[in-house]
N, C-alpha and C. Protein backbone atom coordinates (compact mmCIF):
# COMPACT_ATOMS: atom_id res chain seq x y z
N ALA A 1 99.37 99.18 96.32
CA ALA A 1 98.45 100.46 95.39
C ALA A 1 99.42 102.04 96.00
N LYS A 2 99.69 102.18 95.02
CA LYS A 2 99.97 103.49 94.53
C LYS A 2 99.04 104.41 94.39
N ASP A 3 99.15 105.77 95.01
CA ASP A 3 97.83 107.26 95.14
C ASP A 3 97.14 107.08 95.11
N ALA A 4 96.43 107.75 95.52
CA ALA A 4 94.86 107.96 96.63
C ALA A 4 94.13 109.50 95.71
N MET A 5 93.13 108.61 95.47
CA MET A 5 91.94 108.68 94.98
C MET A 5 90.42 109.77 95.29
N VAL A 6 89.80 111.21 95.75
CA VAL A 6 88.53 111.69 96.26
C VAL A 6 87.83 109.99 95.47
N MET A 7 87.47 109.49 96.27
CA MET A 7 86.18 109.06 96.43
C MET A 7 84.80 109.79 97.03
N GLU A 8 84.25 110.01 97.46
CA GLU A 8 82.90 110.89 99.09
C GLU A 8 83.10 112.22 99.59
N ILE A 9 82.81 112.77 99.26
CA ILE A 9 83.28 113.89 99.57
C ILE A 9 81.51 114.22 101.00
N ILE A 10 81.64 114.40 102.16
CA ILE A 10 80.81 114.99 103.25
C ILE A 10 79.94 116.36 103.06
N PRO A 11 78.97 116.71 102.49
CA PRO A 11 78.50 117.92 102.00
C PRO A 11 78.37 118.12 102.88
N LYS A 12 79.18 118.75 104.28
CA LYS A 12 79.02 120.09 105.16
C LYS A 12 80.33 119.52 106.50
N SER A 13 80.21 120.50 106.82
CA SER A 13 80.74 120.51 108.32
C SER A 13 80.88 120.72 109.42
N ARG A 14 80.42 119.89 109.88
CA ARG A 14 79.56 119.78 111.50
C ARG A 14 79.65 120.66 112.39
N TYR A 15 81.60 120.92 112.35
CA TYR A 15 82.07 122.37 112.81
C TYR A 15 83.64 122.00 112.60
N PRO A 16 84.05 123.41 113.66
CA PRO A 16 85.60 123.74 112.40
C PRO A 16 86.13 123.14 112.35
N GLY A 17 87.01 122.56 111.84
CA GLY A 17 87.80 121.76 111.63
C GLY A 17 87.42 120.22 111.26
N ASP A 18 86.37 119.87 111.31
CA ASP A 18 85.26 119.21 111.55
C ASP A 18 86.08 118.03 110.20
N PRO A 19 87.51 116.82 110.55
CA PRO A 19 87.66 116.20 109.52
C PRO A 19 86.70 115.94 107.75
N GLN A 20 85.70 116.10 108.31
CA GLN A 20 84.62 114.63 107.73
C GLN A 20 84.15 116.06 106.23
N GLY A 21 83.60 117.66 106.85
CA GLY A 21 84.11 118.61 106.40
C GLY A 21 85.11 119.37 105.57
N GLN A 22 86.73 118.97 105.84
CA GLN A 22 87.29 120.10 105.01
C GLN A 22 87.02 120.18 103.79
N ALA A 23 86.99 119.22 103.48
CA ALA A 23 87.39 118.39 101.72
C ALA A 23 85.62 119.45 101.12
N PHE A 24 84.76 119.16 101.76
CA PHE A 24 83.58 119.74 101.23
C PHE A 24 84.11 121.45 101.13
N ALA A 25 84.34 121.66 102.41
CA ALA A 25 84.90 123.17 102.61
C ALA A 25 85.66 124.24 101.97
N ALA A 26 86.84 123.53 101.55
CA ALA A 26 88.08 123.64 100.53
C ALA A 26 88.26 123.19 99.03
N GLY A 27 86.21 123.05 98.72
CA GLY A 27 86.06 122.42 97.56
C GLY A 27 86.31 121.45 96.78
N VAL A 28 87.13 120.59 97.68
CA VAL A 28 88.06 119.71 96.67
C VAL A 28 86.51 118.89 96.16
N LYS A 29 86.75 117.72 95.05
CA LYS A 29 85.60 117.32 94.08
C LYS A 29 85.74 115.60 94.01
N SER A 30 85.07 114.89 93.82
CA SER A 30 85.39 113.36 93.66
C SER A 30 85.71 112.97 92.73
N GLY A 31 86.60 111.88 92.34
CA GLY A 31 87.72 111.87 91.19
C GLY A 31 88.64 112.83 90.88
N TRP A 32 89.53 113.43 92.40
CA TRP A 32 90.49 114.45 92.32
C TRP A 32 91.32 113.47 92.72
N ILE A 33 92.70 113.73 91.77
CA ILE A 33 94.10 112.68 92.27
C ILE A 33 94.57 113.20 93.87
N VAL A 34 94.93 112.40 94.89
CA VAL A 34 95.87 113.34 95.68
C VAL A 34 97.18 112.90 95.49
N LYS A 35 97.39 114.31 95.13
CA LYS A 35 99.45 114.98 94.66
C LYS A 35 100.13 115.63 96.16
N ALA A 36 99.66 116.41 96.96
CA ALA A 36 99.91 116.79 97.91
C ALA A 36 99.14 116.64 99.06
N ILE A 37 100.00 116.77 100.83
CA ILE A 37 99.44 116.88 102.00
C ILE A 37 99.96 118.06 102.65
N ASN A 38 98.84 118.50 102.83
CA ASN A 38 100.13 120.48 103.62
C ASN A 38 101.27 120.54 103.38
N GLY A 39 101.11 120.71 101.45
CA GLY A 39 102.93 120.90 101.16
C GLY A 39 103.50 119.67 100.27
N GLU A 40 103.49 119.17 101.29
CA GLU A 40 103.96 117.42 101.09
C GLU A 40 103.47 116.91 100.04
N GLU A 41 104.93 116.51 98.64
CA GLU A 41 103.86 115.51 97.20
C GLU A 41 103.88 114.83 98.65
N VAL A 42 102.50 113.52 97.81
CA VAL A 42 102.20 112.50 98.21
C VAL A 42 101.83 111.67 96.54
N ALA A 43 102.70 112.40 95.84
CA ALA A 43 101.69 110.96 94.83
C ALA A 43 102.56 110.47 94.34
N GLY A 44 102.83 108.87 93.52
CA GLY A 44 103.44 107.51 94.63
C GLY A 44 103.68 107.48 95.75
N GLN A 45 103.00 107.30 96.18
CA GLN A 45 103.27 107.17 98.14
C GLN A 45 102.33 106.15 98.11
N SER A 46 102.44 104.82 98.95
CA SER A 46 101.22 104.09 98.85
C SER A 46 99.93 104.90 99.46
N PHE A 47 98.84 104.08 99.30
CA PHE A 47 97.72 104.20 99.65
C PHE A 47 97.46 104.80 100.78
N ALA A 48 98.30 103.69 101.71
CA ALA A 48 98.54 103.24 103.43
C ALA A 48 98.56 104.13 103.57
N LYS A 49 99.98 105.46 103.17
CA LYS A 49 100.45 106.12 103.83
C LYS A 49 99.59 107.13 103.84
N ILE A 50 99.11 107.72 102.81
CA ILE A 50 98.35 109.09 102.43
C ILE A 50 97.17 108.43 103.31
N MET A 51 96.59 107.41 103.27
CA MET A 51 94.92 107.67 103.90
C MET A 51 95.23 107.97 105.55
N ASP A 52 97.00 107.42 105.99
CA ASP A 52 97.58 107.22 106.80
C ASP A 52 97.62 108.74 107.64
N MET A 53 97.71 109.36 106.24
CA MET A 53 98.80 111.16 106.98
C MET A 53 97.30 112.12 107.40
N LEU A 54 96.23 111.04 106.29
CA LEU A 54 94.79 111.61 106.11
C LEU A 54 94.22 111.95 107.87
N ASP A 55 94.56 110.94 108.54
CA ASP A 55 94.21 110.11 109.42
C ASP A 55 92.31 109.30 109.14
N ASP A 56 92.59 109.05 107.61
CA ASP A 56 90.95 108.50 107.12
C ASP A 56 91.28 106.54 107.09
N GLU A 57 89.96 106.25 106.73
CA GLU A 57 89.48 105.11 106.79
C GLU A 57 88.59 104.95 105.57
N VAL A 58 89.07 104.02 104.93
CA VAL A 58 88.46 103.51 103.86
C VAL A 58 86.92 102.15 104.50
N MET A 59 85.98 102.22 103.56
CA MET A 59 85.12 101.92 103.91
C MET A 59 85.18 100.18 103.79
N ASP A 60 85.98 99.35 103.16
CA ASP A 60 86.23 98.93 102.79
C ASP A 60 87.01 97.61 104.14
N GLN A 61 86.72 97.17 104.57
CA GLN A 61 87.44 96.36 106.31
C GLN A 61 88.84 96.38 106.04
N ARG A 62 89.14 95.36 105.11
CA ARG A 62 89.99 94.74 104.62
C ARG A 62 91.52 95.95 105.04
N MET A 63 91.32 97.16 104.00
CA MET A 63 92.10 98.26 104.81
C MET A 63 92.01 99.14 105.30
N SER A 64 90.51 99.30 106.05
CA SER A 64 91.14 100.04 107.42
C SER A 64 92.01 100.09 108.50
N GLN A 65 91.26 101.17 109.11
CA GLN A 65 93.16 100.36 110.76
C GLN A 65 92.52 100.24 111.85
N HIS A 66 91.21 99.29 111.62
CA HIS A 66 91.09 98.14 112.45
C HIS A 66 91.46 97.15 111.91
N PHE A 67 91.95 96.97 110.50
CA PHE A 67 92.39 95.99 110.43
C PHE A 67 94.17 96.01 110.10
N TYR A 68 94.22 97.13 109.92
CA TYR A 68 95.55 96.98 110.40
C TYR A 68 96.34 97.04 112.00
N ALA A 69 95.42 97.59 112.96
CA ALA A 69 95.25 96.70 114.31
C ALA A 69 95.40 95.40 114.51
N SER A 70 94.04 94.96 113.63
CA SER A 70 94.13 93.92 114.03
C SER A 70 95.44 92.30 113.61
N GLN A 71 96.10 93.35 112.22
CA GLN A 71 97.23 92.35 112.51
C GLN A 71 98.54 92.97 112.76
N LYS A 72 98.82 94.10 113.32
CA LYS A 72 99.75 94.32 114.19
C LYS A 72 100.32 95.60 112.68
N GLU A 73 100.14 95.89 111.93
CA GLU A 73 101.05 96.66 111.38
C GLU A 73 101.06 97.82 111.87
N PRO A 74 102.85 98.36 111.69
CA PRO A 74 102.29 99.56 111.82
C PRO A 74 101.84 100.42 110.89
N ARG A 75 101.58 102.24 111.09
CA ARG A 75 100.54 102.79 110.12
C ARG A 75 102.24 103.22 109.50
N GLU A 76 101.87 103.76 108.56
CA GLU A 76 103.03 103.91 106.88
C GLU A 76 103.41 105.25 107.62
N GLY A 77 101.71 106.46 107.79
CA GLY A 77 102.28 107.58 108.20
C GLY A 77 102.07 107.79 108.87
N GLU A 78 102.16 109.44 109.84
CA GLU A 78 101.39 110.43 111.12
C GLU A 78 100.12 111.29 110.47
N PRO A 79 98.96 110.78 111.09
CA PRO A 79 98.31 112.22 110.95
C PRO A 79 98.66 113.73 110.47
N VAL A 80 98.88 113.75 109.54
CA VAL A 80 99.09 115.70 109.60
C VAL A 80 97.89 116.66 109.99
N ASP A 81 98.81 117.78 110.91
CA ASP A 81 97.69 118.67 111.09
C ASP A 81 96.76 118.80 110.96
N THR A 82 95.92 119.77 111.49
CA THR A 82 94.74 120.16 110.01
C THR A 82 94.80 121.72 110.80
N PRO A 83 94.03 122.44 110.01
CA PRO A 83 93.54 122.27 109.08
C PRO A 83 94.06 121.59 107.42
N ILE A 84 94.20 120.64 106.76
CA ILE A 84 94.47 119.87 106.07
C ILE A 84 93.98 120.68 104.62
N THR A 85 95.54 121.27 104.15
CA THR A 85 95.64 121.77 103.03
C THR A 85 95.80 120.61 101.33
């Protein structure tokens, strides 16, 4: 799969730099397509790489980092530095 869409936004930041609340604090909305991460274009990149860069897991167990680890597949991208823009 290519590209990634924002699905759920955690409506508060629990502490400064909280990765769960950064999108909310930055005004990101559900339904937006992720086009760049910290200035790096990611449009057309694999969903797995984008999620790896965001250091995020999806709720679907088949695509989670736990699944990647259990399958011993390497990550497609490295997590980016925070704050994520």
